[in-house]
Each structure stands twice: as structure tokens, then as C-alpha cells.
Amino acid sequence: MWRSSGCISSKFSVADDPLKAMECCPKADIDGFKDLLREENLYLITEAGDQGRLPVLILSMKESNPQRRPAVVFLHSTHKCKEWLRPLLEAYASRGYIAIAIDSRYHGERASSKTTYRDALISSWKKGDTMPFIFDTVWDLIKLADYLTQREDIDTARIGITGESLGGMHAWYGAVADTRYAVVAPIIGVQGFRWAIENDKWHGRVDSIKPVFEEARIDLGKNEIDKEVVEKVWDRIAPGLASHFDLDHTILAIAPRPLLIVNGAEDPRCPLPGLKIPESRACKVYEEANCLDKFKLIAQPGIGHQMTPLMVKEACDWLDRFLKQ
């Protein structure tokens, strides 16, 4: 069974492959779909320098009577790229959305080698001059919203944002930074960073980008990575991540916009107990705003850091519910 805020749902078969999970996304049956699909590849300049060139992929259906439609921004996980999200983009486009994906910082077209992202994280620790973990991509999302709200085919009041893992964190913080993202559905990306440090549950997240923590361990003269190393790295590469920008505070900044959090109940990178207090606070804020139905936390039992077909379907239903009104 599933655990969720105010709701229990039945089991669903899951796939180990996130690509298969994406392919389970509901898709309209349209004759000649490929011929009717419009694809745009463009670049936005979000700041100076090579990382300020933001690659954008947009899929939508060609229409004889152009009208403003809802839009959804999709954000990929670590070491993936915008093209990897194509099954989701096509599925949403088939159902009348403008579907958008970008390459996050140091990924896809913004990576010159397989180690570009790793090297950027280490450089951030050494120099403190960039924030490749979450925050720089959130800046790109603000500039992306500038562009999307200028398009004549997008209903600017109906722009959603979702993503998986690193992309889930980008969706979460992107919505915190910019209220133009009206509906939010991060998948396996939401965690309490301070809670993880204080409860010694940081290992799963650290292991996902371990080289930067190993570099910090050496620089700090430590024999092993410990919570002091973890805290210092977060403070350096993403200032405020484990303090005033942590989940306790940021989740409240999204209210009263619709927010769905979908995690695995056994996810070591997003430990479920670390969401307990933020969930309680969010429920209170949404209830006070008379819109408790706009907040939901779902944790799939027996699932670790893995996107499943049911997670994709739940996010799809959430976005449809609030963007197709």
C-alpha cells in the first residue's frame, strides 16, 4: 500500500527502468502523431559564459486554430539530458500540452566530457564561485519562465514543473524561486538536508556526488567523510541548503500552489522521516488557506531511489487536475 497525506491507494506494478516508467505515461492515440508533432530546439542566454547558454527542447501538437495551452517543464536526473525525457514530452504534447525540457548545468549540451558535472562540483568547493548543485539551474528556470510567459501559445497561468531526482530538486527549488510555476510535482527529489545531517542519514545523498565530498575530506584533513564535511560542502556549493533554504522553509513558500511530492518510502537519498515535520507544517499552511487538497505527499512502500510507473502516473494526474481546469 501507499502512504500519503489523507489518502491510501492500491499497489501498482513497477519497473526497474525509469525509461520504461516514462513510457507508461498516458498518451493520446493520434493517427499520424509523428507528422503532427512540432519540435523546437532553441537556446536562451541566461548569463555570461558558456554555461549561460541554455538549450531548450519544446514539443507540441500542430494546430489549425492556435490557442493558448497549458505547459509543463520537465527536468532530468543526474548524468541525463533533455532528450532522455522525450517519452514524457511526447505523451504530454499528445494530450494538448506545450512540453518543455532543458539541459541542466554541466549536463547534455552543456557538458564537454563525462566528468564535466563532477569537475564543476569540485571547482565549486575549491573556489566557491559557482553553484552547480541546484541553484545555478534554478536561475536558468527563472529565465526560462521569462521566455515561456512571452509565448503566444502558452497560458501563462497554467505552467507546471516536474522532474526526477536531481530534476525533482530543480523543480522544487524552481517553484520556490518563481511563482510563475503554478503547479509542482517533484519525483524522488525532496528531502530535509538539515534533518539528514542531524540524524546521520546523509550517506545516500553524499554517495550520489561523492567525489566533491572526498575532495573536501582531504582538504579538511579528515580520515573519512563525516557530518562536518557534509555540512561544510553544502554551505560552500549551495549556501543555505541545510539552513534557511531547507525543506522546512521552502515547502511553505510554494503554498497555496498545488504541490505533489512523490518519493520512495525506502529512498536513502530522500529519507522519509526527514519529511515528517515539513509535511505537518505544509498541511497546516494549506489548511489555513482552505486548500488542503492542493498538497499531497506520496511514498511508495518498498521503493528506494527509483522512479516508477505509478509515480509518473500520479504526477501526470496531478498536473492534469490543476492545469486542465
C-alpha atoms as a PDB file:
ATOM      1  CA  MET A   1       0.000   0.000   0.000  1.00  0.00           C
ATOM      2  CA  TRP A   2       0.939   3.616  -0.391  1.00  0.00           C
ATOM      3  CA  ARG A   3       1.367   6.129   2.375  1.00  0.00           C
ATOM      4  CA  SER A   4       0.119   9.623   1.615  1.00  0.00           C
ATOM      5  CA  SER A   5      -1.397  12.713   3.173  1.00  0.00           C
ATOM      6  CA  GLY A   6      -5.047  11.858   3.649  1.00  0.00           C
ATOM      7  CA  CYS A   7      -5.158   9.127   1.026  1.00  0.00           C
ATOM      8  CA  ILE A   8      -4.352   5.459   0.517  1.00  0.00           C
ATOM      9  CA  SER A   9      -4.044   3.909  -2.912  1.00  0.00           C
ATOM     10  CA  SER A  10      -3.634   0.313  -4.067  1.00  0.00           C
ATOM     11  CA  LYS A  11      -0.462  -1.329  -5.319  1.00  0.00           C
ATOM     12  CA  PHE A  12       0.777  -0.909  -8.851  1.00  0.00           C
ATOM     13  CA  SER A  13       3.322  -2.919 -10.805  1.00  0.00           C
ATOM     14  CA  VAL A  14       6.648  -1.125 -11.050  1.00  0.00           C
ATOM     15  CA  ALA A  15       9.556  -1.186 -13.461  1.00  0.00           C
ATOM     16  CA  ASP A  16      13.202  -1.039 -12.533  1.00  0.00           C
ATOM     17  CA  ASP A  17      13.959   1.004 -15.638  1.00  0.00           C
ATOM     18  CA  PRO A  18      12.995   4.712 -15.365  1.00  0.00           C
ATOM     19  CA  LEU A  19      12.776   4.879 -19.162  1.00  0.00           C
ATOM     20  CA  LYS A  20      10.080   2.183 -19.070  1.00  0.00           C
ATOM     21  CA  ALA A  21       8.379   4.152 -16.304  1.00  0.00           C
ATOM     22  CA  MET A  22       8.260   7.226 -18.529  1.00  0.00           C
ATOM     23  CA  GLU A  23       6.879   5.179 -21.409  1.00  0.00           C
ATOM     24  CA  CYS A  24       3.921   4.296 -19.165  1.00  0.00           C
ATOM     25  CA  CYS A  25       2.825   7.937 -19.134  1.00  0.00           C
ATOM     26  CA  PRO A  26      -0.710   8.288 -20.587  1.00  0.00           C
ATOM     27  CA  LYS A  27      -0.540   9.230 -24.275  1.00  0.00           C
ATOM     28  CA  ALA A  28      -3.369  10.153 -26.623  1.00  0.00           C
ATOM     29  CA  ASP A  29      -3.882   7.810 -29.574  1.00  0.00           C
ATOM     30  CA  ILE A  30      -3.477  10.136 -32.556  1.00  0.00           C
ATOM     31  CA  ASP A  31      -3.267   8.953 -36.163  1.00  0.00           C
ATOM     32  CA  GLY A  32      -0.117  10.274 -37.809  1.00  0.00           C
ATOM     33  CA  PHE A  33       1.185  11.510 -34.448  1.00  0.00           C
ATOM     34  CA  LYS A  34       4.784  11.965 -35.599  1.00  0.00           C
ATOM     35  CA  ASP A  35       3.716  14.128 -38.541  1.00  0.00           C
ATOM     36  CA  LEU A  36       1.547  16.307 -36.313  1.00  0.00           C
ATOM     37  CA  LEU A  37       4.244  16.801 -33.679  1.00  0.00           C
ATOM     38  CA  ARG A  38       6.085  20.122 -33.704  1.00  0.00           C
ATOM     39  CA  GLU A  39       9.640  20.131 -32.349  1.00  0.00           C
ATOM     40  CA  GLU A  40      11.582  23.261 -31.416  1.00  0.00           C
ATOM     41  CA  ASN A  41      15.246  23.358 -30.446  1.00  0.00           C
ATOM     42  CA  LEU A  42      16.448  26.726 -29.215  1.00  0.00           C
ATOM     43  CA  TYR A  43      18.882  28.454 -26.868  1.00  0.00           C
ATOM     44  CA  LEU A  44      18.330  31.088 -24.219  1.00  0.00           C
ATOM     45  CA  ILE A  45      21.114  33.253 -22.817  1.00  0.00           C
ATOM     46  CA  THR A  46      20.705  33.311 -19.051  1.00  0.00           C
ATOM     47  CA  GLU A  47      24.068  34.862 -18.132  1.00  0.00           C
ATOM     48  CA  ALA A  48      27.576  35.410 -19.485  1.00  0.00           C
ATOM     49  CA  GLY A  49      29.848  32.442 -20.123  1.00  0.00           C
ATOM     50  CA  ASP A  50      29.393  29.066 -21.767  1.00  0.00           C
ATOM     51  CA  GLN A  51      27.060  27.756 -19.039  1.00  0.00           C
ATOM     52  CA  GLY A  52      24.799  30.732 -19.632  1.00  0.00           C
ATOM     53  CA  ARG A  53      23.691  29.221 -22.950  1.00  0.00           C
ATOM     54  CA  LEU A  54      20.576  27.229 -22.056  1.00  0.00           C
ATOM     55  CA  PRO A  55      19.484  24.504 -24.519  1.00  0.00           C
ATOM     56  CA  VAL A  56      15.703  24.093 -24.682  1.00  0.00           C
ATOM     57  CA  LEU A  57      13.634  21.354 -26.334  1.00  0.00           C
ATOM     58  CA  ILE A  58       9.916  22.007 -26.861  1.00  0.00           C
ATOM     59  CA  LEU A  59       7.329  19.555 -28.226  1.00  0.00           C
ATOM     60  CA  SER A  60       3.724  20.422 -29.053  1.00  0.00           C
ATOM     61  CA  MET A  61       0.996  19.448 -31.487  1.00  0.00           C
ATOM     62  CA  LYS A  62       0.469  21.438 -34.665  1.00  0.00           C
ATOM     63  CA  GLU A  63      -2.921  23.115 -34.590  1.00  0.00           C
ATOM     64  CA  SER A  64      -5.013  24.762 -37.277  1.00  0.00           C
ATOM     65  CA  ASN A  65      -6.564  27.091 -34.682  1.00  0.00           C
ATOM     66  CA  PRO A  66      -3.699  28.278 -32.467  1.00  0.00           C
ATOM     67  CA  GLN A  67      -4.674  28.928 -28.867  1.00  0.00           C
ATOM     68  CA  ARG A  68      -3.002  29.293 -25.503  1.00  0.00           C
ATOM     69  CA  ARG A  69      -2.347  25.920 -23.924  1.00  0.00           C
ATOM     70  CA  PRO A  70      -1.014  24.676 -20.579  1.00  0.00           C
ATOM     71  CA  ALA A  71       2.718  23.960 -20.406  1.00  0.00           C
ATOM     72  CA  VAL A  72       4.878  21.618 -18.340  1.00  0.00           C
ATOM     73  CA  VAL A  73       8.628  21.868 -17.766  1.00  0.00           C
ATOM     74  CA  PHE A  74      10.410  18.532 -17.287  1.00  0.00           C
ATOM     75  CA  LEU A  75      13.821  18.241 -15.605  1.00  0.00           C
ATOM     76  CA  HIS A  76      16.169  15.292 -15.967  1.00  0.00           C
ATOM     77  CA  SER A  77      18.198  13.408 -13.367  1.00  0.00           C
ATOM     78  CA  THR A  78      21.980  13.381 -12.869  1.00  0.00           C
ATOM     79  CA  HIS A  79      24.038  12.435 -15.952  1.00  0.00           C
ATOM     80  CA  LYS A  80      20.969  12.523 -18.213  1.00  0.00           C
ATOM     81  CA  CYS A  81      19.811  15.214 -20.659  1.00  0.00           C
ATOM     82  CA  LYS A  82      16.685  16.810 -22.102  1.00  0.00           C
ATOM     83  CA  GLU A  83      16.412  14.257 -24.939  1.00  0.00           C
ATOM     84  CA  TRP A  84      16.197  11.437 -22.394  1.00  0.00           C
ATOM     85  CA  LEU A  85      12.847  12.875 -21.316  1.00  0.00           C
ATOM     86  CA  ARG A  86      11.336  12.549 -24.797  1.00  0.00           C
ATOM     87  CA  PRO A  87       8.786   9.826 -23.851  1.00  0.00           C
ATOM     88  CA  LEU A  88       7.258  12.225 -21.321  1.00  0.00           C
ATOM     89  CA  LEU A  89       7.434  15.189 -23.678  1.00  0.00           C
ATOM     90  CA  GLU A  90       5.634  13.287 -26.428  1.00  0.00           C
ATOM     91  CA  ALA A  91       2.986  11.924 -24.057  1.00  0.00           C
ATOM     92  CA  TYR A  92       2.158  15.363 -22.658  1.00  0.00           C
ATOM     93  CA  ALA A  93       2.247  17.005 -26.102  1.00  0.00           C
ATOM     94  CA  SER A  94      -0.237  14.394 -27.361  1.00  0.00           C
ATOM     95  CA  ARG A  95      -2.643  15.494 -24.615  1.00  0.00           C
ATOM     96  CA  GLY A  96      -2.538  19.166 -25.562  1.00  0.00           C
ATOM     97  CA  TYR A  97       0.369  20.486 -23.519  1.00  0.00           C
ATOM     98  CA  ILE A  98       3.384  22.509 -24.574  1.00  0.00           C
ATOM     99  CA  ALA A  99       6.095  20.173 -23.227  1.00  0.00           C
ATOM    100  CA  ILE A 100       9.485  21.678 -22.385  1.00  0.00           C
ATOM    101  CA  ALA A 101      12.818  20.199 -21.302  1.00  0.00           C
ATOM    102  CA  ILE A 102      16.225  21.763 -20.712  1.00  0.00           C
ATOM    103  CA  ASP A 103      19.765  20.582 -20.150  1.00  0.00           C
ATOM    104  CA  SER A 104      20.690  21.323 -16.548  1.00  0.00           C
ATOM    105  CA  ARG A 105      24.041  22.943 -15.795  1.00  0.00           C
ATOM    106  CA  TYR A 106      27.003  20.796 -16.862  1.00  0.00           C
ATOM    107  CA  HIS A 107      24.705  18.180 -18.465  1.00  0.00           C
ATOM    108  CA  GLY A 108      23.770  17.335 -22.048  1.00  0.00           C
ATOM    109  CA  GLU A 109      24.960  20.005 -24.467  1.00  0.00           C
ATOM    110  CA  ARG A 110      26.398  21.920 -21.519  1.00  0.00           C
ATOM    111  CA  ALA A 111      28.889  19.136 -20.749  1.00  0.00           C
ATOM    112  CA  SER A 112      32.166  18.794 -22.624  1.00  0.00           C
ATOM    113  CA  SER A 113      33.033  15.376 -21.123  1.00  0.00           C
ATOM    114  CA  LYS A 114      31.655  12.650 -18.854  1.00  0.00           C
ATOM    115  CA  THR A 115      33.257  14.360 -15.858  1.00  0.00           C
ATOM    116  CA  THR A 116      32.065  17.930 -16.517  1.00  0.00           C
ATOM    117  CA  TYR A 117      29.482  17.904 -13.716  1.00  0.00           C
ATOM    118  CA  ARG A 118      31.844  16.266 -11.240  1.00  0.00           C
ATOM    119  CA  ASP A 119      34.587  18.740 -12.106  1.00  0.00           C
ATOM    120  CA  ALA A 120      32.179  21.664 -11.653  1.00  0.00           C
ATOM    121  CA  LEU A 121      31.181  20.439  -8.189  1.00  0.00           C
ATOM    122  CA  ILE A 122      34.800  20.112  -7.115  1.00  0.00           C
ATOM    123  CA  SER A 123      35.629  23.532  -8.560  1.00  0.00           C
ATOM    124  CA  SER A 124      32.704  24.993  -6.633  1.00  0.00           C
ATOM    125  CA  TRP A 125      34.100  23.537  -3.413  1.00  0.00           C
ATOM    126  CA  LYS A 126      37.588  24.844  -4.185  1.00  0.00           C
ATOM    127  CA  LYS A 127      36.663  28.304  -5.440  1.00  0.00           C
ATOM    128  CA  GLY A 128      33.111  28.983  -4.294  1.00  0.00           C
ATOM    129  CA  ASP A 129      32.421  30.964  -7.469  1.00  0.00           C
ATOM    130  CA  THR A 130      29.563  28.874  -8.915  1.00  0.00           C
ATOM    131  CA  MET A 131      26.658  26.812  -7.559  1.00  0.00           C
ATOM    132  CA  PRO A 132      26.360  23.833  -9.938  1.00  0.00           C
ATOM    133  CA  PHE A 133      24.327  21.803  -7.431  1.00  0.00           C
ATOM    134  CA  ILE A 134      20.724  23.045  -7.787  1.00  0.00           C
ATOM    135  CA  PHE A 135      20.959  26.837  -7.539  1.00  0.00           C
ATOM    136  CA  ASP A 136      22.541  27.770 -10.893  1.00  0.00           C
ATOM    137  CA  THR A 137      19.968  25.679 -12.752  1.00  0.00           C
ATOM    138  CA  VAL A 138      17.216  27.347 -10.710  1.00  0.00           C
ATOM    139  CA  TRP A 139      18.452  30.667 -12.118  1.00  0.00           C
ATOM    140  CA  ASP A 140      18.052  29.169 -15.587  1.00  0.00           C
ATOM    141  CA  LEU A 141      14.486  28.189 -14.702  1.00  0.00           C
ATOM    142  CA  ILE A 142      13.683  31.782 -13.764  1.00  0.00           C
ATOM    143  CA  LYS A 143      14.968  32.947 -17.155  1.00  0.00           C
ATOM    144  CA  LEU A 144      13.091  30.104 -18.838  1.00  0.00           C
ATOM    145  CA  ALA A 145       9.874  31.343 -17.202  1.00  0.00           C
ATOM    146  CA  ASP A 146      10.612  34.798 -18.654  1.00  0.00           C
ATOM    147  CA  TYR A 147      10.656  33.236 -22.106  1.00  0.00           C
ATOM    148  CA  LEU A 148       7.646  30.940 -21.666  1.00  0.00           C
ATOM    149  CA  THR A 149       5.408  33.735 -20.411  1.00  0.00           C
ATOM    150  CA  GLN A 150       6.169  35.714 -23.572  1.00  0.00           C
ATOM    151  CA  ARG A 151       4.996  32.968 -25.926  1.00  0.00           C
ATOM    152  CA  GLU A 152       1.603  33.410 -27.538  1.00  0.00           C
ATOM    153  CA  ASP A 153       0.783  29.689 -27.415  1.00  0.00           C
ATOM    154  CA  ILE A 154       1.186  29.261 -23.642  1.00  0.00           C
ATOM    155  CA  ASP A 155      -1.381  30.093 -20.985  1.00  0.00           C
ATOM    156  CA  THR A 156       0.894  31.868 -18.509  1.00  0.00           C
ATOM    157  CA  ALA A 157      -1.366  30.969 -15.565  1.00  0.00           C
ATOM    158  CA  ARG A 158      -1.040  27.261 -16.341  1.00  0.00           C
ATOM    159  CA  ILE A 159       2.661  26.352 -16.297  1.00  0.00           C
ATOM    160  CA  GLY A 160       3.638  23.242 -14.367  1.00  0.00           C
ATOM    161  CA  ILE A 161       7.034  21.890 -13.374  1.00  0.00           C
ATOM    162  CA  THR A 162       8.221  18.380 -12.561  1.00  0.00           C
ATOM    163  CA  GLY A 163      11.408  16.339 -12.613  1.00  0.00           C
ATOM    164  CA  GLU A 164      13.168  13.214 -11.400  1.00  0.00           C
ATOM    165  CA  SER A 165      15.887  13.021  -8.723  1.00  0.00           C
ATOM    166  CA  LEU A 166      18.206  15.993  -9.388  1.00  0.00           C
ATOM    167  CA  GLY A 167      15.432  17.218 -11.666  1.00  0.00           C
ATOM    168  CA  GLY A 168      12.999  16.845  -8.779  1.00  0.00           C
ATOM    169  CA  MET A 169      15.184  19.123  -6.681  1.00  0.00           C
ATOM    170  CA  HIS A 170      15.360  21.584  -9.565  1.00  0.00           C
ATOM    171  CA  ALA A 171      11.547  21.516  -9.861  1.00  0.00           C
ATOM    172  CA  TRP A 172      11.147  22.027  -6.116  1.00  0.00           C
ATOM    173  CA  TYR A 173      13.525  24.966  -5.872  1.00  0.00           C
ATOM    174  CA  GLY A 174      12.479  26.398  -9.214  1.00  0.00           C
ATOM    175  CA  ALA A 175       8.924  26.687  -7.911  1.00  0.00           C
ATOM    176  CA  VAL A 176      10.189  28.248  -4.687  1.00  0.00           C
ATOM    177  CA  ALA A 177      12.100  30.883  -6.634  1.00  0.00           C
ATOM    178  CA  ASP A 178       9.428  31.664  -9.228  1.00  0.00           C
ATOM    179  CA  THR A 179       5.673  31.686  -8.647  1.00  0.00           C
ATOM    180  CA  ARG A 180       5.027  31.504 -12.378  1.00  0.00           C
ATOM    181  CA  TYR A 181       5.405  27.746 -11.966  1.00  0.00           C
ATOM    182  CA  ALA A 182       1.807  27.268 -10.917  1.00  0.00           C
ATOM    183  CA  VAL A 183       1.698  23.508 -10.282  1.00  0.00           C
ATOM    184  CA  VAL A 184       4.593  21.498  -8.837  1.00  0.00           C
ATOM    185  CA  ALA A 185       5.261  17.738  -8.842  1.00  0.00           C
ATOM    186  CA  PRO A 186       8.844  16.727  -7.932  1.00  0.00           C
ATOM    187  CA  ILE A 187       9.601  12.990  -8.155  1.00  0.00           C
ATOM    188  CA  ILE A 188      12.208  11.365  -5.823  1.00  0.00           C
ATOM    189  CA  GLY A 189      13.877  14.727  -5.247  1.00  0.00           C
ATOM    190  CA  VAL A 190      12.576  16.225  -1.991  1.00  0.00           C
ATOM    191  CA  GLN A 191      14.469  15.778   1.267  1.00  0.00           C
ATOM    192  CA  GLY A 192      15.348  17.525   4.506  1.00  0.00           C
ATOM    193  CA  PHE A 193      19.047  18.370   4.322  1.00  0.00           C
ATOM    194  CA  ARG A 194      19.401  19.539   7.950  1.00  0.00           C
ATOM    195  CA  TRP A 195      17.442  16.543   9.221  1.00  0.00           C
ATOM    196  CA  ALA A 196      19.789  14.216   7.298  1.00  0.00           C
ATOM    197  CA  ILE A 197      22.855  15.817   8.874  1.00  0.00           C
ATOM    198  CA  GLU A 198      21.468  15.777  12.402  1.00  0.00           C
ATOM    199  CA  ASN A 199      20.226  12.185  12.129  1.00  0.00           C
ATOM    200  CA  ASP A 200      23.266  10.760  10.318  1.00  0.00           C
ATOM    201  CA  LYS A 201      21.205   9.922   7.223  1.00  0.00           C
ATOM    202  CA  TRP A 202      23.271  11.855   4.697  1.00  0.00           C
ATOM    203  CA  HIS A 203      25.148   8.914   3.161  1.00  0.00           C
ATOM    204  CA  GLY A 204      22.734   8.186   0.302  1.00  0.00           C
ATOM    205  CA  ARG A 205      22.773  11.765  -0.975  1.00  0.00           C
ATOM    206  CA  VAL A 206      26.529  12.138  -0.493  1.00  0.00           C
ATOM    207  CA  ASP A 207      27.215   8.917  -2.397  1.00  0.00           C
ATOM    208  CA  SER A 208      25.382  10.335  -5.426  1.00  0.00           C
ATOM    209  CA  ILE A 209      28.068  13.043  -5.861  1.00  0.00           C
ATOM    210  CA  LYS A 210      30.832  11.557  -3.705  1.00  0.00           C
ATOM    211  CA  PRO A 211      33.938  12.977  -5.456  1.00  0.00           C
ATOM    212  CA  VAL A 212      33.282  16.511  -4.167  1.00  0.00           C
ATOM    213  CA  PHE A 213      32.910  15.213  -0.605  1.00  0.00           C
ATOM    214  CA  GLU A 214      36.100  13.180  -0.922  1.00  0.00           C
ATOM    215  CA  GLU A 215      37.936  16.286  -2.097  1.00  0.00           C
ATOM    216  CA  ALA A 216      36.556  18.232   0.857  1.00  0.00           C
ATOM    217  CA  ARG A 217      37.538  15.449   3.254  1.00  0.00           C
ATOM    218  CA  ILE A 218      41.132  15.668   2.073  1.00  0.00           C
ATOM    219  CA  ASP A 219      41.183  19.459   2.234  1.00  0.00           C
ATOM    220  CA  LEU A 220      39.773  19.381   5.767  1.00  0.00           C
ATOM    221  CA  GLY A 221      42.323  16.803   6.928  1.00  0.00           C
ATOM    222  CA  LYS A 222      39.733  14.158   7.741  1.00  0.00           C
ATOM    223  CA  ASN A 223      40.223  10.392   7.573  1.00  0.00           C
ATOM    224  CA  GLU A 224      36.643   9.866   6.453  1.00  0.00           C
ATOM    225  CA  ILE A 225      33.602  11.815   5.356  1.00  0.00           C
ATOM    226  CA  ASP A 226      31.576  12.839   8.402  1.00  0.00           C
ATOM    227  CA  LYS A 227      28.688  15.218   9.094  1.00  0.00           C
ATOM    228  CA  GLU A 228      31.075  18.178   9.476  1.00  0.00           C
ATOM    229  CA  VAL A 229      32.404  17.561   5.973  1.00  0.00           C
ATOM    230  CA  VAL A 230      28.852  17.232   4.636  1.00  0.00           C
ATOM    231  CA  GLU A 231      27.721  20.481   6.227  1.00  0.00           C
ATOM    232  CA  LYS A 232      30.747  22.417   5.007  1.00  0.00           C
ATOM    233  CA  VAL A 233      30.272  21.151   1.449  1.00  0.00           C
ATOM    234  CA  TRP A 234      26.602  22.152   1.385  1.00  0.00           C
ATOM    235  CA  ASP A 235      27.451  25.580   2.801  1.00  0.00           C
ATOM    236  CA  ARG A 236      30.068  26.051   0.107  1.00  0.00           C
ATOM    237  CA  ILE A 237      28.437  24.703  -3.053  1.00  0.00           C
ATOM    238  CA  ALA A 238      24.793  25.538  -2.180  1.00  0.00           C
ATOM    239  CA  PRO A 239      24.771  28.172   0.600  1.00  0.00           C
ATOM    240  CA  GLY A 240      21.705  27.928   2.814  1.00  0.00           C
ATOM    241  CA  LEU A 241      20.684  24.473   1.566  1.00  0.00           C
ATOM    242  CA  ALA A 242      20.778  22.982   5.076  1.00  0.00           C
ATOM    243  CA  SER A 243      19.509  26.105   6.833  1.00  0.00           C
ATOM    244  CA  HIS A 244      17.166  28.867   5.645  1.00  0.00           C
ATOM    245  CA  PHE A 245      16.650  27.255   2.199  1.00  0.00           C
ATOM    246  CA  ASP A 246      15.932  23.804   3.620  1.00  0.00           C
ATOM    247  CA  LEU A 247      12.661  21.935   3.193  1.00  0.00           C
ATOM    248  CA  ASP A 248      11.110  23.284   6.412  1.00  0.00           C
ATOM    249  CA  HIS A 249      11.067  26.775   4.930  1.00  0.00           C
ATOM    250  CA  THR A 250      10.861  26.288   1.189  1.00  0.00           C
ATOM    251  CA  ILE A 251       7.883  23.947   1.185  1.00  0.00           C
ATOM    252  CA  LEU A 252       5.834  26.730   2.775  1.00  0.00           C
ATOM    253  CA  ALA A 253       6.892  29.186   0.062  1.00  0.00           C
ATOM    254  CA  ILE A 254       5.115  27.078  -2.566  1.00  0.00           C
ATOM    255  CA  ALA A 255       1.750  27.276  -0.799  1.00  0.00           C
ATOM    256  CA  PRO A 256      -1.022  27.745  -1.823  1.00  0.00           C
ATOM    257  CA  ARG A 257       0.028  26.492  -5.253  1.00  0.00           C
ATOM    258  CA  PRO A 258      -0.688  22.785  -5.858  1.00  0.00           C
ATOM    259  CA  LEU A 259       2.277  20.682  -4.666  1.00  0.00           C
ATOM    260  CA  LEU A 260       2.662  16.916  -5.020  1.00  0.00           C
ATOM    261  CA  ILE A 261       5.750  15.223  -3.549  1.00  0.00           C
ATOM    262  CA  VAL A 262       6.328  11.667  -4.759  1.00  0.00           C
ATOM    263  CA  ASN A 263       9.127   9.612  -3.152  1.00  0.00           C
ATOM    264  CA  GLY A 264      10.091   6.020  -2.486  1.00  0.00           C
ATOM    265  CA  ALA A 265       9.427   5.067   1.127  1.00  0.00           C
ATOM    266  CA  GLU A 266      12.860   3.413   1.350  1.00  0.00           C
ATOM    267  CA  ASP A 267      14.807   6.084  -0.557  1.00  0.00           C
ATOM    268  CA  PRO A 268      18.199   6.593   1.176  1.00  0.00           C
ATOM    269  CA  ARG A 269      18.756   9.895  -0.644  1.00  0.00           C
ATOM    270  CA  CYS A 270      15.406  11.326   0.474  1.00  0.00           C
ATOM    271  CA  PRO A 271      14.801   9.690   3.883  1.00  0.00           C
ATOM    272  CA  LEU A 272      11.079   9.674   4.570  1.00  0.00           C
ATOM    273  CA  PRO A 273      11.336  10.556   8.313  1.00  0.00           C
ATOM    274  CA  GLY A 274      13.028  13.806   7.288  1.00  0.00           C
ATOM    275  CA  LEU A 275       9.797  14.880   5.585  1.00  0.00           C
ATOM    276  CA  LYS A 276       7.545  14.303   8.599  1.00  0.00           C
ATOM    277  CA  ILE A 277       7.778  17.754  10.219  1.00  0.00           C
ATOM    278  CA  PRO A 278       7.783  19.696   6.910  1.00  0.00           C
ATOM    279  CA  GLU A 279       4.741  17.675   5.806  1.00  0.00           C
ATOM    280  CA  SER A 280       2.916  18.564   9.006  1.00  0.00           C
ATOM    281  CA  ARG A 281       3.742  22.251   8.627  1.00  0.00           C
ATOM    282  CA  ALA A 282       2.699  22.254   4.983  1.00  0.00           C
ATOM    283  CA  CYS A 283      -0.630  20.614   5.804  1.00  0.00           C
ATOM    284  CA  LYS A 284      -1.273  23.333   8.372  1.00  0.00           C
ATOM    285  CA  VAL A 285      -0.463  26.143   5.930  1.00  0.00           C
ATOM    286  CA  TYR A 286      -2.572  24.652   3.141  1.00  0.00           C
ATOM    287  CA  GLU A 287      -5.430  24.042   5.567  1.00  0.00           C
ATOM    288  CA  GLU A 288      -5.297  27.638   6.785  1.00  0.00           C
ATOM    289  CA  ALA A 289      -5.512  28.721   3.144  1.00  0.00           C
ATOM    290  CA  ASN A 290      -8.585  26.484   2.702  1.00  0.00           C
ATOM    291  CA  CYS A 291      -6.866  24.396   0.043  1.00  0.00           C
ATOM    292  CA  LEU A 292      -5.609  21.251   1.777  1.00  0.00           C
ATOM    293  CA  ASP A 293      -6.487  19.338  -1.394  1.00  0.00           C
ATOM    294  CA  LYS A 294      -3.637  21.149  -3.144  1.00  0.00           C
ATOM    295  CA  PHE A 295      -0.929  19.433  -1.091  1.00  0.00           C
ATOM    296  CA  LYS A 296      -0.091  15.746  -1.152  1.00  0.00           C
ATOM    297  CA  LEU A 297       2.864  13.589  -0.150  1.00  0.00           C
ATOM    298  CA  ILE A 298       3.035  10.053  -1.509  1.00  0.00           C
ATOM    299  CA  ALA A 299       5.675   7.487  -0.544  1.00  0.00           C
ATOM    300  CA  GLN A 300       5.672   4.161  -2.362  1.00  0.00           C
ATOM    301  CA  PRO A 301       6.450   1.255   0.002  1.00  0.00           C
ATOM    302  CA  GLY A 302       9.429  -0.920  -0.810  1.00  0.00           C
ATOM    303  CA  ILE A 303      10.852   1.565  -3.311  1.00  0.00           C
ATOM    304  CA  GLY A 304      14.225   3.239  -2.945  1.00  0.00           C
ATOM    305  CA  HIS A 305      15.655   5.944  -5.177  1.00  0.00           C
ATOM    306  CA  GLN A 306      13.723   4.867  -8.246  1.00  0.00           C
ATOM    307  CA  MET A 307      11.074   6.456 -10.446  1.00  0.00           C
ATOM    308  CA  THR A 308       8.245   4.003 -11.079  1.00  0.00           C
ATOM    309  CA  PRO A 309       5.254   3.922 -13.472  1.00  0.00           C
ATOM    310  CA  LEU A 310       2.928   4.767 -10.600  1.00  0.00           C
ATOM    311  CA  MET A 311       4.968   7.844  -9.691  1.00  0.00           C
ATOM    312  CA  VAL A 312       4.804   9.012 -13.310  1.00  0.00           C
ATOM    313  CA  LYS A 313       1.043   8.408 -13.359  1.00  0.00           C
ATOM    314  CA  GLU A 314       0.459  10.223 -10.059  1.00  0.00           C
ATOM    315  CA  ALA A 315       2.418  13.261 -11.288  1.00  0.00           C
ATOM    316  CA  CYS A 316       0.500  13.148 -14.575  1.00  0.00           C
ATOM    317  CA  ASP A 317      -2.865  13.054 -12.782  1.00  0.00           C
ATOM    318  CA  TRP A 318      -1.805  15.931 -10.510  1.00  0.00           C
ATOM    319  CA  LEU A 319      -0.733  18.148 -13.392  1.00  0.00           C
ATOM    320  CA  ASP A 320      -3.861  17.291 -15.395  1.00  0.00           C
ATOM    321  CA  ARG A 321      -6.055  18.042 -12.403  1.00  0.00           C
ATOM    322  CA  PHE A 322      -4.754  21.563 -11.872  1.00  0.00           C
ATOM    323  CA  LEU A 323      -3.584  22.606 -15.343  1.00  0.00           C
ATOM    324  CA  LYS A 324      -6.510  21.308 -17.409  1.00  0.00           C
ATOM    325  CA  GLN A 325      -9.212  23.159 -15.455  1.00  0.00           C
END
